[in-house]
């Protein structure tokens, strides 16, 4: 057990997050000086690591000290350096605007944040591509998210609102959701807001029956002004929920972009993670989508799934590449707090670093050789090897919603249980969160309150800007 004394520091959270990149929670204790004095510990202990002895008030300098000490101790050199946040591409954009040149941004990421050359190149390539194909958000344009918190089963790694319920319960939820759609559509018109992108996510929206899906899309078209909308995405992530009838509904409503998320093409892996479909179902879902005329598909895969080898991951990616989706999102497995995997094995991600590194390196090479390029990137806590998730696209087909949600320079209006709206104040470069409750039954009971929250904290704020 290492004792890490953070001198001249009052709040330790962000430093503890960096320590967790190197050490499992049962390998260390971190103290502020006040906490250390009350612990009865001895500063002469061989296991004590003291940081910021000279009392710097530069947080990055303190993190660099911590990084170097822990790197010496463990022999690890994490490629993301001292960065522990979700949005390193957003930081890259801020550095571009501040420093003015690619070379200065590159040098800053290397010396100030200790990011590896490989990850610096990934950040620069991703940010520059985003600017080339998309640019800044349009005035009064928002991202509109609509949540369907239902799935056929709950995956081992999932922490999202994901309920396994029958059609009657889903119907009750939809009635409350339609109330929010109608209200927000009206208030968006009145305040001059319009959706640049619409994203129906979950859960799994295609858990809905064809009739329910048709009614949902009709409500959106009727009450939301989609005249200037550039992109409309519906997640159809679970292939066992995709039918020809549902795809026909999507096509009739002009939906051009969907997600089909294999995660893995290995049968044993699908069983381990709680998926109720076969690898063949994934192939069939792609075939049905092509036959239905869906023009743009994203496919998610996950590096670091239980019992998988780099060769298994390579086989999955080769199969997906043969299907030739327009987007492929490569996720690194994260052991999320509310997942079953966290309950079963909270330290799983610490053991997967070497394997995942090999998977991601091989996968990146395969994707680039197949004509894909990175278009968005984000990180999460408790990721295997502390790596990243990367969305790849070919033929200039990036998902607008994904880029905007990560750059945080656009208001997001999120409808449904678990939706978190974010109001963007450009003059202050600031976001204010306006959350809906997560439990779908509570959402139904408190739908009036959800509307009031948006009125007070979103629509009235827009009107006063």
Protein backbone atom coordinates (compact mmCIF):
# COMPACT_ATOMS: atom_id res chain seq x y z
CA UNK A 1 0.00 0.00 0.00
CA UNK A 2 1.48 3.31 -1.14
CA UNK A 3 0.68 6.47 0.76
CA UNK A 4 0.69 9.52 -1.51
CA UNK A 5 0.92 12.86 0.26
CA UNK A 6 -0.27 15.79 -1.85
CA UNK A 7 1.35 18.78 -0.20
CA UNK A 8 -0.04 22.31 -0.39
CA UNK A 9 -3.26 21.01 -1.97
CA UNK A 10 -6.77 21.31 -0.59
CA UNK A 11 -8.77 19.36 -3.19
CA UNK A 12 -7.29 16.07 -4.31
CA UNK A 13 -9.89 14.61 -6.72
CA UNK A 14 -8.21 15.40 -10.05
CA UNK A 15 -4.87 14.10 -8.75
CA UNK A 16 -6.46 10.89 -7.49
CA UNK A 17 -7.88 10.34 -10.99
CA UNK A 18 -4.33 10.49 -12.38
CA UNK A 19 -3.04 8.11 -9.68
CA UNK A 20 -5.74 5.59 -10.71
CA UNK A 21 -4.20 5.44 -14.17
CA UNK A 22 -1.14 3.81 -12.55
CA UNK A 23 -2.42 2.06 -9.41
CA UNK A 24 -5.53 0.12 -8.46
CA UNK A 25 -7.58 1.64 -5.60
CA UNK A 26 -6.35 -1.03 -3.17
CA UNK A 27 -2.70 -0.16 -3.90
CA UNK A 28 -2.70 3.41 -2.59
CA UNK A 29 -4.11 6.00 -0.25
CA UNK A 30 -3.93 9.68 -1.17
CA UNK A 31 -3.89 12.40 1.47
CA UNK A 32 -3.95 16.15 1.65
CA UNK A 33 -1.69 17.43 4.44
CA UNK A 34 -4.68 17.92 6.73
CA UNK A 35 -5.86 14.36 6.11
CA UNK A 36 -2.35 12.99 6.59
CA UNK A 37 -1.93 14.72 9.96
CA UNK A 38 -5.10 13.09 11.19
CA UNK A 39 -4.21 9.64 9.87
CA UNK A 40 -1.40 8.87 12.30
CA UNK A 41 0.93 8.01 9.39
CA UNK A 42 4.66 8.63 9.48
CA UNK A 43 6.36 10.80 6.82
CA UNK A 44 9.50 8.67 7.10
CA UNK A 45 7.69 5.55 5.84
CA UNK A 46 9.31 3.79 2.86
CA UNK A 47 5.93 3.63 1.12
CA UNK A 48 5.26 7.38 1.34
CA UNK A 49 5.39 9.45 -1.84
CA UNK A 50 5.30 13.20 -1.24
CA UNK A 51 4.34 15.45 -4.16
CA UNK A 52 4.44 19.26 -4.53
CA UNK A 53 6.85 19.75 -1.65
CA UNK A 54 7.77 23.22 -2.94
CA UNK A 55 4.15 24.36 -3.00
CA UNK A 56 3.46 25.03 -6.68
CA UNK A 57 0.02 26.37 -7.52
CA UNK A 58 0.28 25.14 -11.14
CA UNK A 59 -1.99 22.11 -11.32
CA UNK A 60 -0.35 20.78 -14.46
CA UNK A 61 3.08 21.07 -12.87
CA UNK A 62 1.84 19.09 -9.86
CA UNK A 63 0.37 16.45 -12.18
CA UNK A 64 3.66 16.22 -14.08
CA UNK A 65 5.50 15.62 -10.81
CA UNK A 66 2.97 12.95 -9.89
CA UNK A 67 3.15 11.37 -13.35
CA UNK A 68 6.95 11.15 -13.26
CA UNK A 69 7.06 9.68 -9.75
CA UNK A 70 4.43 7.07 -10.52
CA UNK A 71 6.03 6.24 -13.85
CA UNK A 72 9.33 5.58 -12.08
CA UNK A 73 7.54 3.51 -9.47
CA UNK A 74 5.49 1.33 -11.84
CA UNK A 75 7.48 1.38 -15.08
CA UNK A 76 4.38 2.58 -16.93
CA UNK A 77 4.27 5.52 -19.35
CA UNK A 78 0.56 6.08 -20.07
CA UNK A 79 0.20 7.54 -23.59
CA UNK A 80 -2.32 10.21 -22.58
CA UNK A 81 0.17 11.76 -20.13
CA UNK A 82 -1.49 13.81 -17.40
CA UNK A 83 -4.80 14.09 -19.26
CA UNK A 84 -7.68 12.39 -17.47
CA UNK A 85 -10.63 14.30 -18.91
CA UNK A 86 -13.28 13.09 -21.33
CA UNK A 87 -12.63 15.58 -24.16
CA UNK A 88 -8.98 15.88 -25.25
CA UNK A 89 -10.04 17.04 -28.74
CA UNK A 90 -11.85 19.97 -27.14
CA UNK A 91 -8.59 20.85 -25.33
CA UNK A 92 -6.75 20.61 -28.65
CA UNK A 93 -9.16 23.14 -30.17
CA UNK A 94 -8.66 25.50 -27.25
CA UNK A 95 -4.90 25.25 -27.69
CA UNK A 96 -5.20 25.97 -31.42
CA UNK A 97 -7.17 29.14 -30.70
CA UNK A 98 -4.72 30.19 -27.98
CA UNK A 99 -1.39 29.29 -29.60
CA UNK A 100 -2.23 29.79 -33.27
CA UNK A 101 -0.20 27.05 -34.96
CA UNK A 102 -0.07 23.28 -35.30
CA UNK A 103 3.57 23.17 -34.20
CA UNK A 104 2.90 25.10 -30.98
CA UNK A 105 -0.10 22.90 -30.13
CA UNK A 106 1.98 19.80 -30.76
CA UNK A 107 4.78 21.07 -28.52
CA UNK A 108 2.36 22.06 -25.76
CA UNK A 109 0.65 18.66 -25.72
CA UNK A 110 4.06 17.00 -25.51
CA UNK A 111 5.77 19.13 -22.87
CA UNK A 112 2.86 20.54 -20.84
CA UNK A 113 0.61 17.47 -20.85
CA UNK A 114 3.18 14.68 -21.54
CA UNK A 115 0.99 13.15 -24.27
CA UNK A 116 2.71 10.57 -26.50
CA UNK A 117 3.55 11.38 -30.11
CA UNK A 118 1.03 8.80 -31.33
CA UNK A 119 -1.88 10.33 -29.38
CA UNK A 120 -0.84 13.88 -30.32
CA UNK A 121 -1.04 12.91 -33.97
CA UNK A 122 -4.48 11.35 -33.38
CA UNK A 123 -5.72 14.53 -31.69
CA UNK A 124 -4.40 16.84 -34.39
CA UNK A 125 -5.77 14.69 -37.20
CA UNK A 126 -9.19 14.43 -35.57
CA UNK A 127 -9.52 18.13 -34.72
CA UNK A 128 -8.31 19.33 -38.11
CA UNK A 129 -10.71 17.00 -39.92
CA UNK A 130 -13.64 18.23 -37.81
CA UNK A 131 -12.82 21.81 -38.70
CA UNK A 132 -12.46 20.98 -42.39
CA UNK A 133 -15.78 19.14 -42.80
CA UNK A 134 -17.97 20.85 -40.21
CA UNK A 135 -16.63 24.09 -38.76
CA UNK A 136 -18.34 25.95 -35.91
CA UNK A 137 -21.98 25.28 -34.91
CA UNK A 138 -24.62 27.39 -36.71
CA UNK A 139 -26.31 30.21 -34.81
CA UNK A 140 -29.39 28.99 -32.90
CA UNK A 141 -28.73 25.42 -34.08
CA UNK A 142 -28.97 22.79 -31.35
CA UNK A 143 -28.46 19.08 -30.97
CA UNK A 144 -31.71 17.28 -30.16
CA UNK A 145 -31.46 13.99 -28.26
CA UNK A 146 -34.43 11.70 -27.63
CA UNK A 147 -33.89 8.81 -25.23
CA UNK A 148 -35.57 5.38 -25.35
CA UNK A 149 -34.39 3.64 -22.15
CA UNK A 150 -35.30 0.05 -23.08
CA UNK A 151 -33.27 -2.94 -24.27
CA UNK A 152 -33.95 -6.66 -24.81
CA UNK A 153 -31.27 -7.56 -22.22
CA UNK A 154 -28.71 -5.65 -20.16
CA UNK A 155 -25.11 -6.01 -21.32
CA UNK A 156 -22.37 -6.85 -18.84
CA UNK A 157 -20.61 -3.49 -19.23
CA UNK A 158 -23.68 -1.23 -19.57
CA UNK A 159 -24.38 1.66 -17.19
CA UNK A 160 -27.01 3.48 -19.27
CA UNK A 161 -30.72 3.56 -18.42
CA UNK A 162 -31.63 0.20 -19.96
CA UNK A 163 -34.87 -1.41 -18.83
CA UNK A 164 -36.25 -4.76 -19.91
CA UNK A 165 -39.98 -4.10 -20.12
CA UNK A 166 -42.97 -5.15 -22.20
CA UNK A 167 -44.95 -3.19 -24.76
CA UNK A 168 -47.49 -1.84 -22.24
CA UNK A 169 -44.81 -0.20 -20.08
CA UNK A 170 -43.07 1.19 -23.15
CA UNK A 171 -46.39 2.67 -24.32
CA UNK A 172 -46.82 4.49 -21.00
CA UNK A 173 -43.34 5.93 -21.34
CA UNK A 174 -43.97 7.07 -24.89
CA UNK A 175 -47.04 9.06 -23.88
CA UNK A 176 -44.94 11.06 -21.41
CA UNK A 177 -42.18 11.46 -23.98
CA UNK A 178 -44.66 12.76 -26.56
CA UNK A 179 -45.72 15.40 -24.05
CA UNK A 180 -42.13 16.59 -23.80
CA UNK A 181 -41.62 16.48 -27.56
CA UNK A 182 -44.70 18.63 -28.17
CA UNK A 183 -43.78 21.16 -25.50
CA UNK A 184 -40.15 21.49 -26.55
CA UNK A 185 -41.05 21.67 -30.23
CA UNK A 186 -43.35 24.61 -29.51
CA UNK A 187 -40.83 26.41 -27.31
CA UNK A 188 -38.01 25.84 -29.79
CA UNK A 189 -40.04 27.57 -32.49
CA UNK A 190 -40.91 30.44 -30.16
CA UNK A 191 -37.28 30.98 -29.10
CA UNK A 192 -35.80 30.57 -32.57
CA UNK A 193 -33.94 27.32 -31.85
CA UNK A 194 -33.72 24.61 -34.51
CA UNK A 195 -32.15 21.15 -34.56
CA UNK A 196 -28.97 20.88 -36.59
CA UNK A 197 -28.99 17.18 -35.71
CA UNK A 198 -31.49 14.76 -34.17
CA UNK A 199 -30.29 11.64 -32.38
CA UNK A 200 -32.67 8.98 -31.05
CA UNK A 201 -30.64 6.84 -28.66
CA UNK A 202 -31.06 4.63 -25.63
CA UNK A 203 -31.18 1.93 -24.60
CA UNK A 204 -32.19 0.57 -27.95
CA UNK A 205 -34.84 2.57 -29.83
CA UNK A 206 -35.60 -0.39 -32.09
CA UNK A 207 -36.88 -2.21 -29.02
CA UNK A 208 -40.08 -0.34 -29.92
CA UNK A 209 -42.63 -2.14 -32.07
CA UNK A 210 -43.00 -0.93 -35.68
CA UNK A 211 -46.19 0.92 -34.74
CA UNK A 212 -44.54 2.56 -31.72
CA UNK A 213 -41.52 3.55 -33.80
CA UNK A 214 -43.78 4.98 -36.49
CA UNK A 215 -45.73 7.01 -33.96
CA UNK A 216 -42.55 8.32 -32.31
CA UNK A 217 -41.13 9.53 -35.61
CA UNK A 218 -44.48 11.03 -36.58
CA UNK A 219 -44.58 12.99 -33.32
CA UNK A 220 -41.08 14.33 -33.98
CA UNK A 221 -41.91 15.34 -37.56
CA UNK A 222 -45.19 16.95 -36.51
CA UNK A 223 -43.93 18.98 -33.57
CA UNK A 224 -40.24 19.65 -34.32
CA UNK A 225 -39.28 21.92 -37.21
CA UNK A 226 -36.85 19.76 -39.20
CA UNK A 227 -36.62 22.12 -42.18
CA UNK A 228 -32.91 22.89 -41.66
CA UNK A 229 -31.90 19.65 -39.93
CA UNK A 230 -28.73 18.20 -41.48
CA UNK A 231 -28.76 14.77 -39.86
CA UNK A 232 -31.26 12.38 -38.25
CA UNK A 233 -29.88 9.28 -36.52
CA UNK A 234 -31.71 6.35 -34.94
CA UNK A 235 -29.74 3.80 -32.94
CA UNK A 236 -30.65 0.25 -33.94
CA UNK A 237 -27.77 -1.11 -31.92
CA UNK A 238 -29.05 -4.58 -31.11
CA UNK A 239 -29.35 -6.68 -34.27
CA UNK A 240 -31.97 -8.88 -32.59
CA UNK A 241 -34.32 -5.84 -32.57
CA UNK A 242 -33.93 -5.07 -36.29
CA UNK A 243 -36.72 -6.27 -38.56
CA UNK A 244 -37.63 -5.50 -42.14
CA UNK A 245 -40.84 -3.86 -40.92
CA UNK A 246 -38.99 -1.49 -38.58
CA UNK A 247 -36.45 -0.63 -41.27
CA UNK A 248 -39.33 0.13 -43.62
CA UNK A 249 -40.73 2.54 -41.01
CA UNK A 250 -37.35 4.28 -40.73
CA UNK A 251 -37.05 4.58 -44.50
CA UNK A 252 -40.59 5.96 -44.83
CA UNK A 253 -39.67 8.71 -42.38
CA UNK A 254 -36.51 9.57 -44.30
CA UNK A 255 -34.05 8.23 -41.71
CA UNK A 256 -30.73 7.79 -43.49
CA UNK A 257 -28.40 7.06 -40.55
CA UNK A 258 -28.58 4.16 -38.10
CA UNK A 259 -26.24 2.28 -35.78
CA UNK A 260 -25.88 -1.49 -35.78
CA UNK A 261 -23.54 -2.38 -32.94
CA UNK A 262 -21.96 -5.84 -33.12
CA UNK A 263 -19.39 -5.15 -30.33
CA UNK A 264 -17.88 -8.53 -31.25
CA UNK A 265 -18.37 -11.18 -33.90
CA UNK A 266 -17.35 -14.00 -31.55
CA UNK A 267 -20.25 -16.15 -30.34
CA UNK A 268 -18.70 -16.91 -26.94
CA UNK A 269 -18.10 -13.20 -26.29
CA UNK A 270 -21.70 -12.33 -27.10
CA UNK A 271 -22.84 -14.91 -24.54
CA UNK A 272 -20.45 -13.57 -21.89
CA UNK A 273 -21.57 -9.96 -22.25
CA UNK A 274 -25.27 -10.79 -22.17
CA UNK A 275 -26.22 -10.36 -25.80
CA UNK A 276 -29.19 -12.41 -26.99
CA UNK A 277 -28.16 -12.75 -30.63
CA UNK A 278 -25.78 -14.70 -32.83
CA UNK A 279 -23.00 -13.36 -35.08
CA UNK A 280 -25.18 -14.34 -38.04
CA UNK A 281 -27.88 -11.95 -36.79
CA UNK A 282 -25.43 -9.07 -37.25
CA UNK A 283 -24.78 -10.05 -40.85
CA UNK A 284 -28.52 -10.36 -41.45
CA UNK A 285 -29.15 -6.92 -39.93
CA UNK A 286 -26.69 -5.35 -42.37
CA UNK A 287 -28.30 -7.19 -45.27
CA UNK A 288 -31.80 -6.07 -44.25
CA UNK A 289 -30.64 -2.47 -43.87
CA UNK A 290 -29.05 -2.47 -47.30
CA UNK A 291 -32.22 -3.95 -48.81
CA UNK A 292 -34.31 -1.28 -47.07
CA UNK A 293 -32.19 1.46 -48.62
CA UNK A 294 -30.60 2.78 -45.40
CA UNK A 295 -27.64 4.70 -46.78
CA UNK A 296 -25.47 5.30 -43.73
CA UNK A 297 -24.60 2.79 -40.99
CA UNK A 298 -22.36 3.05 -37.96
CA UNK A 299 -21.01 -0.12 -36.37
CA UNK A 300 -19.62 -0.21 -32.82
CA UNK A 301 -16.91 -2.64 -31.75
CA UNK A 302 -15.27 -2.95 -28.33
CA UNK A 303 -11.61 -3.67 -27.59
CA UNK A 304 -10.92 -5.51 -24.34
CA UNK A 305 -14.03 -7.68 -23.96
CA UNK A 306 -13.78 -10.68 -21.58
CA UNK A 307 -11.68 -13.61 -22.82
CA UNK A 308 -10.96 -11.96 -26.18
CA UNK A 309 -7.49 -12.02 -27.72
CA UNK A 310 -6.02 -9.54 -30.21
CA UNK A 311 -6.70 -12.17 -32.88
CA UNK A 312 -10.40 -12.29 -31.91
CA UNK A 313 -10.58 -8.51 -32.16
CA UNK A 314 -8.85 -8.60 -35.55
CA UNK A 315 -11.37 -11.20 -36.80
CA UNK A 316 -14.26 -8.99 -35.66
CA UNK A 317 -12.87 -5.93 -37.39
CA UNK A 318 -12.14 -7.84 -40.60
CA UNK A 319 -15.75 -9.04 -40.71
CA UNK A 320 -17.11 -5.53 -40.10
CA UNK A 321 -14.82 -4.07 -42.77
CA UNK A 322 -16.20 -6.55 -45.29
CA UNK A 323 -19.68 -5.18 -44.49
CA UNK A 324 -18.30 -1.69 -45.28
CA UNK A 325 -20.32 0.56 -42.94
CA UNK A 326 -19.81 4.29 -43.42
CA UNK A 327 -18.78 4.75 -39.76
CA UNK A 328 -17.02 2.40 -37.35
CA UNK A 329 -16.68 3.40 -33.71
CA UNK A 330 -13.94 1.62 -31.78
CA UNK A 331 -14.65 1.62 -28.06
CA UNK A 332 -12.20 0.66 -25.36
CA UNK A 333 -14.02 -1.33 -22.69
CA UNK A 334 -14.73 0.80 -19.62
CA UNK A 335 -15.68 -0.76 -16.29
CA UNK A 336 -18.48 1.64 -15.45
CA UNK A 337 -19.68 2.16 -11.91
CA UNK A 338 -23.28 1.02 -12.48
CA UNK A 339 -22.41 -2.01 -14.63
CA UNK A 340 -22.55 -5.70 -13.70
CA UNK A 341 -18.88 -5.96 -14.68
CA UNK A 342 -17.95 -3.48 -11.95
CA UNK A 343 -19.75 -5.67 -9.39
CA UNK A 344 -18.03 -8.81 -10.68
CA UNK A 345 -14.51 -7.53 -11.25
CA UNK A 346 -13.83 -3.84 -10.43
CA UNK A 347 -10.13 -4.13 -11.36
CA UNK A 348 -10.74 -5.80 -14.74
CA UNK A 349 -9.58 -2.78 -16.75
CA UNK A 350 -6.19 -2.64 -15.02
CA UNK A 351 -5.26 -6.08 -16.33
CA UNK A 352 -6.28 -5.38 -19.94
CA UNK A 353 -3.90 -2.58 -20.82
CA UNK A 354 -1.34 -4.54 -22.83
CA UNK A 355 -3.94 -6.54 -24.77
CA UNK A 356 -6.03 -3.48 -25.56
CA UNK A 357 -2.97 -1.52 -26.68
CA UNK A 358 -2.23 -4.24 -29.22
CA UNK A 359 -5.87 -4.34 -30.32
CA UNK A 360 -6.12 -0.58 -30.83
CA UNK A 361 -2.82 -0.34 -32.67
CA UNK A 362 -3.75 -3.15 -35.02
CA UNK A 363 -7.29 -1.83 -35.47
CA UNK A 364 -6.16 1.71 -36.30
CA UNK A 365 -3.85 0.40 -38.98
CA UNK A 366 -6.56 -1.81 -40.50
CA UNK A 367 -9.11 1.00 -40.55
CA UNK A 368 -6.78 3.50 -42.18
CA UNK A 369 -5.74 0.96 -44.81
CA UNK A 370 -9.45 0.44 -45.56
CA UNK A 371 -9.97 4.18 -46.14
CA UNK A 372 -11.37 5.25 -42.75
CA UNK A 373 -10.17 8.26 -40.81
CA UNK A 374 -10.78 9.38 -37.18
CA UNK A 375 -13.50 12.03 -36.87
CA UNK A 376 -14.29 12.15 -33.15
CA UNK A 377 -12.74 10.92 -29.94
CA UNK A 378 -13.53 10.78 -26.26
CA UNK A 379 -12.32 9.08 -23.11
CA UNK A 380 -14.03 7.64 -20.03
CA UNK A 381 -13.09 6.71 -16.50
CA UNK A 382 -11.97 3.14 -15.82
CA UNK A 383 -11.09 2.39 -19.44
CA UNK A 384 -8.86 -0.59 -20.08
CA UNK A 385 -5.32 0.76 -20.32
CA UNK A 386 -6.69 4.29 -19.91
CA UNK A 387 -7.03 4.58 -23.69
CA UNK A 388 -9.85 6.14 -25.75
CA UNK A 389 -12.91 5.67 -27.95
CA UNK A 390 -12.54 6.75 -31.57
CA UNK A 391 -15.16 7.17 -34.27
CA UNK A 392 -13.91 6.53 -37.82
CA UNK A 393 -15.65 7.48 -41.07
CA UNK A 394 -15.07 7.07 -44.78
CA UNK A 395 -16.11 9.32 -47.60
CA UNK A 396 -16.71 12.40 -45.41
CA UNK A 397 -19.66 10.87 -43.52
CA UNK A 398 -18.99 11.95 -39.91
CA UNK A 399 -21.85 12.02 -37.41
CA UNK A 400 -22.53 15.69 -36.66
CA UNK A 401 -24.21 14.95 -33.34
CA UNK A 402 -21.16 13.02 -32.08
CA UNK A 403 -18.77 15.83 -32.92
CA UNK A 404 -20.94 18.57 -31.42
CA UNK A 405 -21.61 16.71 -28.17
CA UNK A 406 -17.86 16.38 -27.59
CA UNK A 407 -16.77 19.89 -28.55
CA UNK A 408 -19.36 21.42 -26.15
CA UNK A 409 -20.02 24.60 -28.13
CA UNK A 410 -23.68 23.98 -28.87
CA UNK A 411 -26.84 23.69 -26.77
CA UNK A 412 -28.15 20.14 -26.51
CA UNK A 413 -31.83 19.60 -25.75
CA UNK A 414 -32.27 16.10 -24.34
CA UNK A 415 -35.73 14.59 -24.06
CA UNK A 416 -36.78 11.47 -22.19
CA UNK A 417 -35.71 9.64 -19.05
CA UNK A 418 -32.00 10.12 -18.31
CA UNK A 419 -31.64 12.96 -20.81
CA UNK A 420 -29.30 15.74 -19.75
CA UNK A 421 -29.80 19.00 -21.63
CA UNK A 422 -26.84 21.36 -21.79
CA UNK A 423 -27.39 25.06 -22.35
CA UNK A 424 -24.43 26.75 -24.03
CA UNK A 425 -23.59 30.38 -23.24
CA UNK A 426 -21.12 31.40 -25.99
CA UNK A 427 -20.07 34.73 -24.44
CA UNK A 428 -18.84 32.85 -21.37
CA UNK A 429 -17.98 29.58 -23.15
CA UNK A 430 -20.03 27.88 -20.44
CA UNK A 431 -22.54 25.03 -20.23
CA UNK A 432 -25.35 24.61 -17.73
CA UNK A 433 -26.84 21.16 -17.24
CA UNK A 434 -30.60 20.66 -17.09
CA UNK A 435 -31.21 16.98 -16.24
CA UNK A 436 -34.29 14.84 -16.52
CA UNK A 437 -34.74 12.09 -13.94
CA UNK A 438 -33.23 8.74 -14.96
CA UNK A 439 -35.91 6.28 -13.80
CA UNK A 440 -38.52 5.98 -16.54
CA UNK A 441 -41.40 5.46 -14.10
CA UNK A 442 -40.43 8.56 -12.14
CA UNK A 443 -40.11 10.42 -15.44
CA UNK A 444 -43.70 9.49 -16.30
CA UNK A 445 -44.96 10.63 -12.90
CA UNK A 446 -42.99 13.89 -12.95
CA UNK A 447 -43.23 14.87 -16.61
CA UNK A 448 -44.72 18.28 -15.73
CA UNK A 449 -41.70 19.01 -13.56
CA UNK A 450 -39.36 18.04 -16.43
CA UNK A 451 -41.06 20.62 -18.64
CA UNK A 452 -40.80 23.26 -15.91
CA UNK A 453 -37.08 22.56 -15.54
CA UNK A 454 -36.53 23.18 -19.24
CA UNK A 455 -38.67 26.30 -19.22
CA UNK A 456 -36.81 27.91 -16.30
CA UNK A 457 -33.29 26.76 -17.09
CA UNK A 458 -33.25 26.49 -20.87
CA UNK A 459 -35.94 28.32 -22.83
CA UNK A 460 -36.09 31.41 -20.58
CA UNK A 461 -32.29 31.60 -20.70
CA UNK A 462 -32.34 31.50 -24.50
CA UNK A 463 -34.92 34.29 -24.62
CA UNK A 464 -32.81 36.50 -22.37
CA UNK A 465 -29.60 36.04 -24.36
